[in-house]
N, C-alpha and C. Protein backbone atom coordinates (compact mmCIF):
# COMPACT_ATOMS: atom_id res chain seq x y z
N MET A 1 -32.19 3.67 -61.10
CA MET A 1 -30.87 3.15 -61.42
C MET A 1 -30.20 2.45 -60.15
N THR A 2 -29.94 1.20 -60.51
CA THR A 2 -29.43 0.35 -59.12
C THR A 2 -27.57 0.56 -59.30
N LYS A 3 -27.46 0.63 -57.93
CA LYS A 3 -25.40 0.84 -58.35
C LYS A 3 -24.84 -0.62 -57.31
N ASN A 4 -23.64 -0.93 -57.47
CA ASN A 4 -23.54 -1.89 -56.92
C ASN A 4 -22.43 -1.04 -55.62
N ILE A 5 -22.77 -1.33 -54.36
CA ILE A 5 -22.60 -1.54 -53.50
C ILE A 5 -20.64 -0.95 -52.94
N ASP A 6 -20.35 -1.73 -54.15
CA ASP A 6 -19.03 -0.80 -54.86
C ASP A 6 -18.19 0.15 -55.02
N ASP A 7 -19.27 0.87 -55.92
CA ASP A 7 -19.61 1.88 -56.40
C ASP A 7 -20.07 3.37 -56.02
N ILE A 8 -20.04 2.90 -55.13
CA ILE A 8 -20.46 4.02 -54.13
C ILE A 8 -19.44 4.89 -53.41
N ASP A 9 -19.55 6.35 -52.91
CA ASP A 9 -18.83 6.86 -53.07
C ASP A 9 -18.93 7.46 -50.90
N THR A 10 -17.62 6.92 -50.71
CA THR A 10 -17.52 6.92 -49.17
C THR A 10 -16.56 8.19 -48.65
N GLY A 11 -16.17 8.74 -49.85
CA GLY A 11 -15.28 9.51 -49.60
C GLY A 11 -15.71 10.85 -48.65
N ALA A 12 -16.60 11.22 -48.54
CA ALA A 12 -17.53 12.42 -47.30
C ALA A 12 -17.23 11.46 -46.32
N TYR A 13 -17.28 10.30 -45.96
CA TYR A 13 -17.67 9.91 -44.53
C TYR A 13 -16.01 9.56 -44.11
N LYS A 14 -14.94 9.84 -44.58
CA LYS A 14 -13.90 8.92 -44.08
C LYS A 14 -13.86 10.46 -42.94
N PRO A 15 -12.74 9.85 -41.96
CA PRO A 15 -12.04 10.21 -41.05
C PRO A 15 -11.21 11.70 -41.06
N LYS A 16 -11.49 12.57 -40.27
CA LYS A 16 -10.50 14.13 -40.94
C LYS A 16 -9.20 13.77 -40.15
N ARG A 17 -9.14 12.66 -39.34
CA ARG A 17 -7.69 12.51 -38.55
C ARG A 17 -6.94 11.35 -38.74
N LYS A 18 -5.94 11.21 -38.38
CA LYS A 18 -5.75 9.50 -38.35
C LYS A 18 -6.09 9.04 -36.79
N ASN A 19 -5.67 7.63 -37.32
CA ASN A 19 -5.48 7.10 -35.53
C ASN A 19 -4.04 7.45 -35.22
N PRO A 20 -3.97 7.85 -33.80
CA PRO A 20 -2.99 8.33 -33.31
C PRO A 20 -1.77 7.42 -32.81
N LEU A 21 -2.57 5.73 -32.74
CA LEU A 21 -2.21 4.96 -32.41
C LEU A 21 -0.87 3.98 -33.36
N LEU A 22 -1.92 4.30 -35.10
CA LEU A 22 -1.00 3.68 -35.49
C LEU A 22 -0.58 5.04 -36.86
N ASP A 23 0.83 4.31 -37.04
CA ASP A 23 1.91 4.67 -37.71
C ASP A 23 2.32 3.79 -38.65
N ALA A 24 2.93 4.19 -39.48
CA ALA A 24 3.89 3.16 -40.59
C ALA A 24 4.37 1.84 -39.80
N ALA A 25 5.62 1.87 -38.41
CA ALA A 25 5.95 0.99 -38.15
C ALA A 25 5.05 0.33 -37.50
N ASN A 26 3.86 0.24 -36.96
CA ASN A 26 2.59 -0.73 -36.66
C ASN A 26 1.02 -0.43 -37.37
N GLU A 27 1.41 -0.34 -38.37
CA GLU A 27 -0.47 -0.74 -39.01
C GLU A 27 -0.28 -1.72 -39.25
N PRO A 28 -2.30 -2.10 -39.00
CA PRO A 28 -2.69 -3.21 -38.94
C PRO A 28 -2.67 -4.15 -40.91
N ALA A 29 -2.19 -5.10 -40.42
CA ALA A 29 -2.50 -6.43 -41.62
C ALA A 29 -3.55 -5.72 -41.98
N THR A 30 -3.48 -6.42 -43.76
CA THR A 30 -4.92 -6.09 -44.79
C THR A 30 -4.77 -7.22 -44.95
N GLY A 31 -6.69 -7.51 -45.73
CA GLY A 31 -6.79 -8.47 -46.35
C GLY A 31 -6.64 -9.75 -45.57
N GLY A 32 -5.84 -9.60 -43.79
CA GLY A 32 -5.90 -11.27 -43.95
C GLY A 32 -4.89 -11.59 -43.37
N LYS A 33 -3.43 -10.71 -44.58
CA LYS A 33 -2.20 -11.06 -44.41
C LYS A 33 -1.75 -10.36 -43.16
N GLN A 34 -0.35 -10.97 -42.74
CA GLN A 34 0.64 -10.14 -42.20
C GLN A 34 1.49 -9.53 -42.88
N ASN A 35 1.11 -7.87 -42.76
CA ASN A 35 2.10 -6.51 -42.87
C ASN A 35 3.51 -7.67 -42.84
N GLU A 36 4.33 -7.32 -44.80
CA GLU A 36 5.60 -7.90 -44.48
C GLU A 36 6.39 -7.72 -43.68
N SER A 37 6.50 -5.93 -43.19
CA SER A 37 7.53 -5.43 -43.13
C SER A 37 7.05 -5.86 -41.06
N ASN A 38 6.58 -5.92 -40.70
CA ASN A 38 6.16 -6.36 -39.42
C ASN A 38 6.27 -7.86 -39.34
N LYS A 39 6.07 -8.72 -40.22
CA LYS A 39 6.36 -10.18 -40.34
C LYS A 39 7.49 -10.43 -39.12
N GLU A 40 8.45 -9.74 -39.25
CA GLU A 40 9.71 -10.34 -38.43
C GLU A 40 9.73 -9.52 -36.54
N LYS A 41 9.09 -8.35 -37.22
CA LYS A 41 8.94 -7.92 -35.64
C LYS A 41 8.42 -8.32 -34.59
N TYR A 42 7.15 -8.91 -34.94
CA TYR A 42 6.05 -9.08 -33.37
C TYR A 42 5.82 -10.30 -33.17
N ALA A 43 5.33 -10.50 -32.29
CA ALA A 43 4.81 -12.25 -32.29
C ALA A 43 3.46 -11.68 -31.57
N THR A 44 2.80 -12.93 -31.81
CA THR A 44 1.19 -12.69 -30.43
C THR A 44 1.68 -13.55 -29.40
N ILE A 45 0.99 -12.54 -28.23
CA ILE A 45 1.03 -13.22 -26.99
C ILE A 45 -0.36 -13.25 -26.99
N ARG A 46 -0.32 -14.18 -25.50
CA ARG A 46 -1.89 -14.32 -24.71
C ARG A 46 -1.40 -13.00 -23.60
N ILE A 47 -2.00 -12.50 -22.98
CA ILE A 47 -2.73 -11.25 -21.64
C ILE A 47 -3.67 -11.41 -21.36
N TYR A 48 -3.63 -11.82 -19.60
CA TYR A 48 -5.14 -11.40 -19.15
C TYR A 48 -5.57 -10.02 -19.03
N PRO A 49 -6.67 -10.14 -19.39
CA PRO A 49 -7.66 -8.62 -19.88
C PRO A 49 -6.98 -7.21 -18.85
N ASP A 50 -7.28 -8.27 -17.63
CA ASP A 50 -6.97 -6.58 -16.34
C ASP A 50 -5.38 -6.70 -16.90
N ASP A 51 -4.53 -7.15 -16.82
CA ASP A 51 -3.19 -6.99 -17.75
C ASP A 51 -2.96 -6.40 -18.43
N HIS A 52 -3.81 -6.67 -19.41
CA HIS A 52 -3.60 -5.64 -20.69
C HIS A 52 -4.51 -4.22 -20.74
N LYS A 53 -5.93 -4.27 -19.82
CA LYS A 53 -5.93 -3.03 -19.38
C LYS A 53 -5.11 -1.83 -18.53
N LEU A 54 -4.21 -2.27 -17.68
CA LEU A 54 -3.62 -1.87 -16.92
C LEU A 54 -2.40 -1.29 -18.08
N LEU A 55 -1.67 -2.09 -18.74
CA LEU A 55 -0.36 -1.52 -19.84
C LEU A 55 -1.15 -0.96 -21.15
N LYS A 56 -2.22 -0.53 -21.23
CA LYS A 56 -2.97 0.09 -21.84
C LYS A 56 -3.15 1.92 -21.56
N ASP A 57 -3.52 1.39 -19.80
CA ASP A 57 -2.84 2.70 -18.98
C ASP A 57 -1.94 3.45 -18.83
N LEU A 58 -1.23 2.60 -18.70
CA LEU A 58 0.40 3.11 -18.90
C LEU A 58 0.74 3.61 -19.80
N ALA A 59 0.64 2.98 -20.88
CA ALA A 59 0.69 3.61 -21.93
C ALA A 59 0.25 4.70 -22.50
N TYR A 60 -0.84 5.41 -22.24
CA TYR A 60 -1.43 6.35 -22.08
C TYR A 60 -0.60 6.70 -21.15
N HIS A 61 -0.77 7.23 -20.12
CA HIS A 61 -0.23 8.40 -19.28
C HIS A 61 1.15 8.10 -19.14
N GLU A 62 2.42 7.47 -19.61
CA GLU A 62 3.76 7.14 -20.16
C GLU A 62 3.70 8.51 -22.09
N GLU A 63 2.80 8.15 -22.86
CA GLU A 63 2.59 8.81 -23.50
C GLU A 63 4.28 7.51 -24.58
N ARG A 64 3.64 6.64 -24.53
CA ARG A 64 4.60 5.29 -24.94
C ARG A 64 3.47 4.57 -26.11
N LYS A 65 4.29 3.27 -26.67
CA LYS A 65 3.47 2.22 -27.17
C LYS A 65 3.77 1.32 -25.86
N MET A 66 2.00 0.13 -25.98
CA MET A 66 2.04 -0.58 -25.47
C MET A 66 3.64 -1.58 -25.65
N VAL A 67 3.89 -1.85 -26.67
CA VAL A 67 4.55 -2.64 -27.04
C VAL A 67 6.46 -2.60 -26.79
N GLU A 68 6.52 -0.72 -26.76
CA GLU A 68 7.57 -0.08 -26.12
C GLU A 68 7.90 -0.35 -24.67
N ILE A 69 6.57 -0.50 -23.42
CA ILE A 69 6.82 -0.88 -22.31
C ILE A 69 7.05 -2.27 -21.78
N VAL A 70 6.65 -3.12 -22.92
CA VAL A 70 6.73 -4.35 -22.61
C VAL A 70 7.59 -4.80 -23.56
N ASN A 71 8.33 -4.44 -24.43
CA ASN A 71 9.94 -4.65 -24.18
C ASN A 71 11.25 -4.05 -23.61
N ASP A 72 10.72 -3.03 -22.69
CA ASP A 72 11.09 -2.36 -21.82
C ASP A 72 11.17 -3.57 -20.57
N SER A 73 10.25 -3.64 -20.06
CA SER A 73 10.25 -4.87 -18.94
C SER A 73 10.55 -5.91 -19.35
N VAL A 74 10.75 -6.56 -20.42
CA VAL A 74 11.37 -7.76 -20.86
C VAL A 74 12.76 -7.44 -20.60
N ASN A 75 13.60 -6.65 -20.87
CA ASN A 75 14.64 -6.71 -20.58
C ASN A 75 15.03 -5.86 -19.27
N TYR A 76 13.77 -5.22 -18.73
CA TYR A 76 14.68 -5.24 -17.32
C TYR A 76 14.30 -6.21 -16.64
N TYR A 77 13.78 -6.83 -16.77
CA TYR A 77 13.21 -8.61 -16.15
C TYR A 77 14.47 -9.68 -16.30
N ASN A 78 15.23 -9.22 -17.87
CA ASN A 78 16.69 -10.01 -17.75
C ASN A 78 17.59 -9.44 -17.00
N GLU A 79 17.43 -8.14 -16.66
CA GLU A 79 18.54 -7.71 -15.83
C GLU A 79 18.40 -8.50 -14.51
N PHE A 80 17.05 -8.68 -13.89
CA PHE A 80 16.98 -9.07 -12.53
C PHE A 80 17.56 -10.65 -12.31
N TYR A 81 17.00 -10.94 -13.73
CA TYR A 81 16.89 -12.14 -13.73
C TYR A 81 18.62 -12.58 -13.21
N GLN A 82 19.45 -11.72 -14.24
CA GLN A 82 20.65 -12.27 -14.24
C GLN A 82 21.23 -11.58 -12.80
N LEU A 83 21.08 -10.43 -12.32
CA LEU A 83 21.61 -10.18 -11.19
C LEU A 83 21.42 -11.58 -9.74
N ALA A 84 19.98 -11.32 -9.69
CA ALA A 84 19.50 -13.27 -8.98
C ALA A 84 20.39 -14.09 -8.67
N LYS A 85 20.88 -14.11 -10.05
CA LYS A 85 21.28 -15.79 -10.84
C LYS A 85 22.99 -15.83 -9.82
N ASN A 86 23.65 -14.24 -10.07
CA ASN A 86 24.85 -13.83 -9.35
C ASN A 86 24.62 -13.86 -7.85
N LEU A 87 23.28 -13.71 -7.24
CA LEU A 87 23.28 -13.23 -5.81
C LEU A 87 22.98 -14.86 -5.35
N GLY A 88 22.51 -15.39 -6.29
CA GLY A 88 21.83 -16.51 -5.91
C GLY A 88 20.67 -17.15 -4.93
N ILE A 89 20.09 -15.64 -5.74
CA ILE A 89 18.14 -15.78 -4.69
C ILE A 89 17.76 -15.73 -6.48
N SER A 90 16.05 -16.32 -6.32
CA SER A 90 15.26 -15.51 -7.18
C SER A 90 15.04 -14.41 -7.79
N THR A 91 14.79 -14.43 -9.20
CA THR A 91 14.33 -12.94 -9.14
C THR A 91 13.58 -12.36 -8.88
N ASP A 92 12.16 -13.11 -8.15
CA ASP A 92 11.63 -12.61 -7.77
C ASP A 92 12.14 -11.84 -6.56
N GLY A 93 12.84 -12.69 -5.69
CA GLY A 93 13.16 -11.89 -4.64
C GLY A 93 14.09 -10.78 -4.73
N ALA A 94 15.04 -10.76 -6.16
CA ALA A 94 15.94 -9.25 -6.68
C ALA A 94 15.16 -8.14 -6.27
N ILE A 95 13.82 -8.77 -7.05
CA ILE A 95 12.80 -7.30 -7.65
C ILE A 95 12.49 -6.95 -6.07
N LYS A 96 12.10 -7.74 -5.63
CA LYS A 96 11.66 -7.87 -3.98
C LYS A 96 12.57 -6.40 -2.92
N MET A 97 13.58 -7.13 -3.76
CA MET A 97 14.79 -6.03 -2.61
C MET A 97 15.02 -4.96 -3.18
N ALA A 98 14.92 -4.88 -4.82
CA ALA A 98 15.31 -3.61 -5.67
C ALA A 98 14.16 -2.69 -5.03
N LEU A 99 12.57 -2.83 -4.99
CA LEU A 99 11.61 -1.84 -4.62
C LEU A 99 11.73 -2.10 -3.36
N ASP A 100 11.80 -2.73 -2.10
CA ASP A 100 12.66 -2.00 -0.83
C ASP A 100 13.09 -1.30 -1.09
N GLN A 101 14.38 -0.82 -1.94
CA GLN A 101 15.14 -0.18 -1.49
C GLN A 101 14.55 1.48 -1.48
N LEU A 102 13.71 0.85 -2.52
CA LEU A 102 13.28 2.21 -3.56
C LEU A 102 12.29 2.70 -2.45
N LYS A 103 11.05 2.26 -2.04
CA LYS A 103 10.62 2.55 -0.57
C LYS A 103 11.30 3.62 0.67
N ASN A 104 12.70 2.56 1.00
CA ASN A 104 13.50 3.34 2.05
C ASN A 104 13.51 4.41 1.72
N LYS A 105 13.85 4.99 0.11
CA LYS A 105 14.51 6.37 0.21
C LYS A 105 14.09 7.46 0.45
């Protein structure tokens, strides 16, 4: 008796635990369609492979999601941009000044 591949029960082979990186907020899209709840939340960006690896490592060590680190980084960069604009210097210069202050403590 030949069975259709769709009729084969695969329940015994399903993983016993869930992926800790997935939850209701960031579940992947199914069927090639974007999840309606995430449609407005995320945009796809390009990132260099080495930066992606570093971001992944930071997220693991900080026990946070990569998207949370990126969101915080954008907010911090915006704060440095605003401060630098008020001081009349570059954003990069403001960040370097802050890092120097932290190193000298």
